[in-house]
Amino acid sequence: MEKGETNSASTRSTVLLKPVDVPKASDVLARELRERILSGELVEGTALPAERELVKQTQMSRATVREALRILEVQNLVRVRAGRAGGAFVQRPTTKSMASSVSMLIRGRQIKLADLMETREALEPFCAELAARKHTDDDLAVLDRANRDIADPDADLPAFLQANLEWHVGVAMAGHNELLIGFMIALSQAIYTGTENAAFVDDNVRTVTARAHRSITNAIRSRDAEAAGRRMRNHVHSYAKAALAVDERDAIIVED
């Protein structure tokens, strides 16, 4: 081998590279628009450029632009209206959209009733405390109306459960904490479904529920946060024990 020559085998690189995950163009566009919406740069109600203009500006295909807008629509960050005055319009996340996402998680993961009850026991006493501190007259009117409907002796099971749901959501709303409101809407709806059982919601349960709700409402009205939280804690704990007992009993019957 002449001086200065190299052995190609000895100079072969030992550098190793991993496969590069290249994001889809639609994901890139959706991410850029999402960040501009969430940062407040694009305010609610802003009309995004027409599809043809977005294609021109981004140099992406029409299919890519449409997919990006669909991603944002599913995430409740844009709403798409059809017609001459239609198009894609910016919207901010809402408590309702959050509750919908939590509800899908509960249903999709088939969260057990026991877990739902544990979560409610962790959250709702504090919701009652906040309600005692922050409620308005309108909030109290919602609770009073729900209490009247709960105490109605002629209400069927769906009507009683709906009034019960409205009271529990009403307590969360009286606390004026958007995150807790979203969680409680989703939790209450799921527990409504899980306890829609005539064997559980008998006359005694209705009477006890009505009495507990009135007591908690009175504490909220008096702005007694300590009493509101304590009474709510006792209420949801006893309700959870009774509901889970019926749930386990029904499971045994099905297995037999």
Protein backbone atom coordinates (compact mmCIF):
# COMPACT_ATOMS: atom_id res chain seq x y z
CA MET A 1 0.00 0.00 0.00
CA GLU A 2 1.48 3.38 -1.01
CA LYS A 3 2.20 6.00 1.60
CA GLY A 4 -0.82 8.29 2.12
CA GLU A 5 -3.35 5.67 1.03
CA THR A 6 -6.03 4.69 3.57
CA ASN A 7 -7.81 1.48 4.14
CA SER A 8 -11.49 2.10 3.37
CA ALA A 9 -12.55 -0.54 5.89
CA SER A 10 -10.62 1.16 8.69
CA THR A 11 -12.17 4.59 8.00
CA ARG A 12 -15.77 3.39 7.82
CA SER A 13 -17.93 5.57 10.10
CA THR A 14 -19.30 4.10 13.31
CA VAL A 15 -21.95 6.79 13.68
CA LEU A 16 -25.44 5.31 14.15
CA LEU A 17 -28.65 7.11 13.29
CA LYS A 18 -32.20 6.29 14.29
CA PRO A 19 -35.24 6.55 12.03
CA VAL A 20 -36.50 10.14 11.92
CA ASP A 21 -40.16 10.60 12.77
CA VAL A 22 -41.35 13.31 10.39
CA PRO A 23 -44.71 14.80 11.49
CA LYS A 24 -47.56 14.99 9.04
CA ALA A 25 -47.97 18.35 7.37
CA SER A 26 -51.53 18.62 8.68
CA ASP A 27 -50.29 18.12 12.26
CA VAL A 28 -47.69 20.86 11.78
CA LEU A 29 -50.30 23.33 10.49
CA ALA A 30 -52.80 22.37 13.22
CA ARG A 31 -50.11 22.82 15.89
CA GLU A 32 -49.18 26.29 14.63
CA LEU A 33 -52.80 27.45 14.56
CA ARG A 34 -53.51 25.83 17.94
CA GLU A 35 -50.64 27.68 19.61
CA ARG A 36 -51.76 31.00 18.13
CA ILE A 37 -55.31 30.38 19.40
CA LEU A 38 -54.29 29.27 22.91
CA SER A 39 -51.81 32.14 23.27
CA GLY A 40 -54.57 34.62 22.50
CA GLU A 41 -52.98 35.88 19.29
CA LEU A 42 -56.06 34.70 17.41
CA VAL A 43 -59.01 35.88 19.49
CA GLU A 44 -62.34 34.11 19.73
CA GLY A 45 -64.57 34.78 16.74
CA THR A 46 -61.67 35.50 14.36
CA ALA A 47 -62.35 34.15 10.89
CA LEU A 48 -59.49 32.08 9.53
CA PRO A 49 -58.54 32.65 5.88
CA ALA A 50 -60.65 30.77 3.35
CA GLU A 51 -59.47 27.28 2.45
CA ARG A 52 -58.10 28.43 -0.91
CA GLU A 53 -56.18 31.26 0.77
CA LEU A 54 -54.75 28.88 3.40
CA VAL A 55 -53.52 26.63 0.60
CA LYS A 56 -51.86 29.61 -1.06
CA GLN A 57 -50.28 30.93 2.15
CA THR A 58 -48.98 27.61 3.48
CA GLN A 59 -48.11 26.02 0.14
CA MET A 60 -49.82 22.89 1.40
CA SER A 61 -52.38 20.80 -0.41
CA ARG A 62 -56.09 21.37 0.02
CA ALA A 63 -56.42 17.92 1.64
CA THR A 64 -53.74 18.86 4.21
CA VAL A 65 -55.45 22.15 5.05
CA ARG A 66 -58.82 20.43 5.45
CA GLU A 67 -57.33 17.76 7.73
CA ALA A 68 -55.68 20.43 9.91
CA LEU A 69 -59.00 22.26 10.29
CA ARG A 70 -60.75 19.00 11.18
CA ILE A 71 -58.16 18.38 13.90
CA LEU A 72 -58.84 21.82 15.39
CA GLU A 73 -62.60 21.34 15.08
CA VAL A 74 -62.42 18.06 17.04
CA GLN A 75 -60.37 19.87 19.68
CA ASN A 76 -63.12 22.55 19.87
CA LEU A 77 -60.69 25.28 18.83
CA VAL A 78 -62.51 26.20 15.62
CA ARG A 79 -66.09 25.93 14.49
CA VAL A 80 -66.87 25.47 10.84
CA ARG A 81 -69.97 27.09 9.35
CA ALA A 82 -71.31 26.28 5.92
CA GLY A 83 -72.85 28.71 3.47
CA ARG A 84 -71.93 32.02 1.87
CA ALA A 85 -70.99 33.59 5.22
CA GLY A 86 -69.38 30.39 6.42
CA GLY A 87 -65.82 29.38 7.07
CA ALA A 88 -63.65 28.42 10.02
CA PHE A 89 -63.90 30.63 13.12
CA VAL A 90 -61.71 30.59 16.21
CA GLN A 91 -63.26 29.54 19.50
CA ARG A 92 -61.72 29.17 22.93
CA PRO A 93 -61.93 25.98 25.02
CA THR A 94 -64.97 25.96 27.30
CA THR A 95 -66.04 24.18 30.46
CA LYS A 96 -68.51 22.25 28.33
CA SER A 97 -65.79 20.99 25.99
CA MET A 98 -63.65 20.02 28.98
CA ALA A 99 -66.56 18.10 30.52
CA SER A 100 -67.09 16.34 27.20
CA SER A 101 -63.45 15.24 27.10
CA VAL A 102 -63.58 13.94 30.69
CA SER A 103 -66.84 12.12 29.91
CA MET A 104 -65.22 10.41 26.92
CA LEU A 105 -62.30 9.36 29.12
CA ILE A 106 -64.70 7.90 31.70
CA ARG A 107 -66.67 5.99 29.08
CA GLY A 108 -63.70 5.02 26.92
CA ARG A 109 -61.67 3.68 29.85
CA GLN A 110 -64.82 2.20 31.43
CA ILE A 111 -63.99 3.84 34.75
CA LYS A 112 -65.62 1.90 37.59
CA LEU A 113 -68.38 3.41 39.70
CA ALA A 114 -66.16 2.97 42.77
CA ASP A 115 -63.50 5.21 41.18
CA LEU A 116 -66.10 7.80 40.24
CA MET A 117 -67.39 7.86 43.80
CA GLU A 118 -63.87 8.19 45.23
CA THR A 119 -63.18 11.12 42.92
CA ARG A 120 -66.39 12.83 43.92
CA GLU A 121 -65.58 12.37 47.60
CA ALA A 122 -62.23 14.04 46.95
CA LEU A 123 -63.62 17.01 45.02
CA GLU A 124 -67.16 17.81 46.05
CA PRO A 125 -66.66 18.82 49.70
CA PHE A 126 -64.23 21.49 48.51
CA CYS A 127 -66.78 22.53 45.84
CA ALA A 128 -69.28 23.07 48.66
CA GLU A 129 -66.76 25.16 50.59
CA LEU A 130 -66.12 27.34 47.53
CA ALA A 131 -69.86 27.67 46.95
CA ALA A 132 -70.30 28.95 50.52
CA ARG A 133 -67.66 31.61 49.90
CA LYS A 134 -68.45 32.66 46.31
CA HIS A 135 -72.14 32.01 45.58
CA THR A 136 -74.49 34.59 44.12
CA ASP A 137 -78.25 34.91 44.51
CA ASP A 138 -78.66 33.29 41.08
CA ASP A 139 -76.61 30.31 42.24
CA LEU A 140 -78.86 29.87 45.27
CA ALA A 141 -81.93 30.02 43.03
CA VAL A 142 -80.57 27.07 41.01
CA LEU A 143 -80.00 25.03 44.17
CA ASP A 144 -83.43 25.90 45.59
CA ARG A 145 -85.15 24.89 42.35
CA ALA A 146 -83.29 21.58 42.28
CA ASN A 147 -84.20 20.95 45.92
CA ARG A 148 -87.90 21.48 45.15
CA ASP A 149 -87.72 19.03 42.24
CA ILE A 150 -85.85 16.45 44.36
CA ALA A 151 -88.53 16.64 47.05
CA ASP A 152 -91.39 16.24 44.54
CA PRO A 153 -93.16 13.00 45.57
CA ASP A 154 -94.61 12.57 42.09
CA ALA A 155 -91.25 12.70 40.27
CA ASP A 156 -90.28 9.48 38.50
CA LEU A 157 -86.76 8.05 38.66
CA PRO A 158 -85.32 9.97 35.66
CA ALA A 159 -86.80 13.24 36.96
CA PHE A 160 -85.37 12.66 40.44
CA LEU A 161 -81.91 11.77 39.08
CA GLN A 162 -81.93 14.79 36.76
CA ALA A 163 -82.79 17.11 39.65
CA ASN A 164 -80.08 15.45 41.74
CA LEU A 165 -77.55 15.99 38.93
CA GLU A 166 -78.58 19.64 38.57
CA TRP A 167 -78.11 20.21 42.30
CA HIS A 168 -74.61 18.69 42.39
CA VAL A 169 -73.55 20.58 39.26
CA GLY A 170 -75.18 23.69 40.76
CA VAL A 171 -72.96 23.43 43.84
CA ALA A 172 -69.86 23.28 41.62
CA MET A 173 -71.06 26.22 39.53
CA ALA A 174 -71.69 28.25 42.69
CA GLY A 175 -67.97 27.89 43.44
CA HIS A 176 -67.08 29.62 40.15
CA ASN A 177 -64.02 27.46 39.47
CA GLU A 178 -64.08 26.42 35.82
CA LEU A 179 -61.88 23.34 36.23
CA LEU A 180 -63.97 21.97 39.08
CA ILE A 181 -67.18 22.73 37.19
CA GLY A 182 -65.93 20.73 34.18
CA PHE A 183 -64.92 17.78 36.33
CA MET A 184 -68.18 17.79 38.31
CA ILE A 185 -70.36 17.96 35.21
CA ALA A 186 -68.63 14.88 33.79
CA LEU A 187 -68.60 13.04 37.12
CA SER A 188 -72.24 13.79 37.90
CA GLN A 189 -73.41 12.63 34.49
CA ALA A 190 -71.45 9.38 34.81
CA ILE A 191 -72.74 8.75 38.35
CA TYR A 192 -76.29 9.50 37.12
CA THR A 193 -75.90 6.65 34.63
CA GLY A 194 -74.27 4.36 37.17
CA THR A 195 -76.97 4.83 39.81
CA GLU A 196 -80.03 4.75 37.55
CA ASN A 197 -81.35 1.83 39.54
CA ALA A 198 -84.84 1.73 41.01
CA ALA A 199 -83.66 -0.83 43.57
CA PHE A 200 -81.27 1.76 44.96
CA VAL A 201 -83.26 4.97 44.61
CA ASP A 202 -86.15 4.01 46.85
CA ASP A 203 -88.33 6.32 48.95
CA ASN A 204 -85.83 6.26 51.83
CA VAL A 205 -82.93 7.32 49.58
CA ARG A 206 -85.04 10.14 48.17
CA THR A 207 -85.96 11.37 51.65
CA VAL A 208 -82.38 11.20 52.92
CA THR A 209 -81.07 12.91 49.78
CA ALA A 210 -83.59 15.73 49.99
CA ARG A 211 -82.79 16.33 53.66
CA ALA A 212 -79.01 16.30 53.08
CA HIS A 213 -79.25 18.65 50.12
CA ARG A 214 -81.35 21.15 52.09
CA SER A 215 -78.85 21.05 54.96
CA ILE A 216 -75.88 21.64 52.65
CA THR A 217 -77.74 24.39 50.80
CA ASN A 218 -78.48 26.14 54.10
CA ALA A 219 -74.78 26.07 55.00
CA ILE A 220 -73.90 27.47 51.59
CA ARG A 221 -76.54 30.20 51.98
CA SER A 222 -75.11 31.10 55.39
CA ARG A 223 -71.59 31.22 53.90
CA ASP A 224 -70.49 28.64 56.43
CA ALA A 225 -67.74 26.97 54.40
CA GLU A 226 -66.68 24.57 57.15
CA ALA A 227 -70.21 23.25 57.67
CA ALA A 228 -70.89 23.06 53.92
CA GLY A 229 -67.77 20.99 53.32
CA ARG A 230 -68.37 18.70 56.30
CA ARG A 231 -72.01 18.05 55.43
CA MET A 232 -71.16 17.41 51.78
CA ARG A 233 -68.39 15.00 52.79
CA ASN A 234 -70.80 13.02 54.97
CA HIS A 235 -73.46 13.04 52.26
CA VAL A 236 -71.34 11.83 49.34
CA HIS A 237 -69.62 9.22 51.53
CA SER A 238 -72.90 7.66 52.69
CA TYR A 239 -74.33 7.86 49.17
CA ALA A 240 -71.23 6.16 47.77
CA LYS A 241 -71.45 3.31 50.29
CA ALA A 242 -75.10 2.66 49.48
CA ALA A 243 -74.63 2.86 45.70
CA LEU A 244 -71.60 0.56 45.72
CA ALA A 245 -73.42 -1.98 47.90
CA VAL A 246 -76.23 -2.17 45.33
CA ASP A 247 -73.68 -2.30 42.49
CA GLU A 248 -71.87 -5.25 44.12
CA ARG A 249 -75.13 -7.03 44.90
CA ASP A 250 -76.26 -6.72 41.27
CA ALA A 251 -72.90 -8.05 40.10
CA ILE A 252 -73.31 -11.13 42.30
CA ILE A 253 -76.80 -11.73 40.93
CA VAL A 254 -75.52 -11.53 37.36
CA GLU A 255 -72.68 -13.97 38.12
CA ASP A 256 -75.09 -16.43 39.75
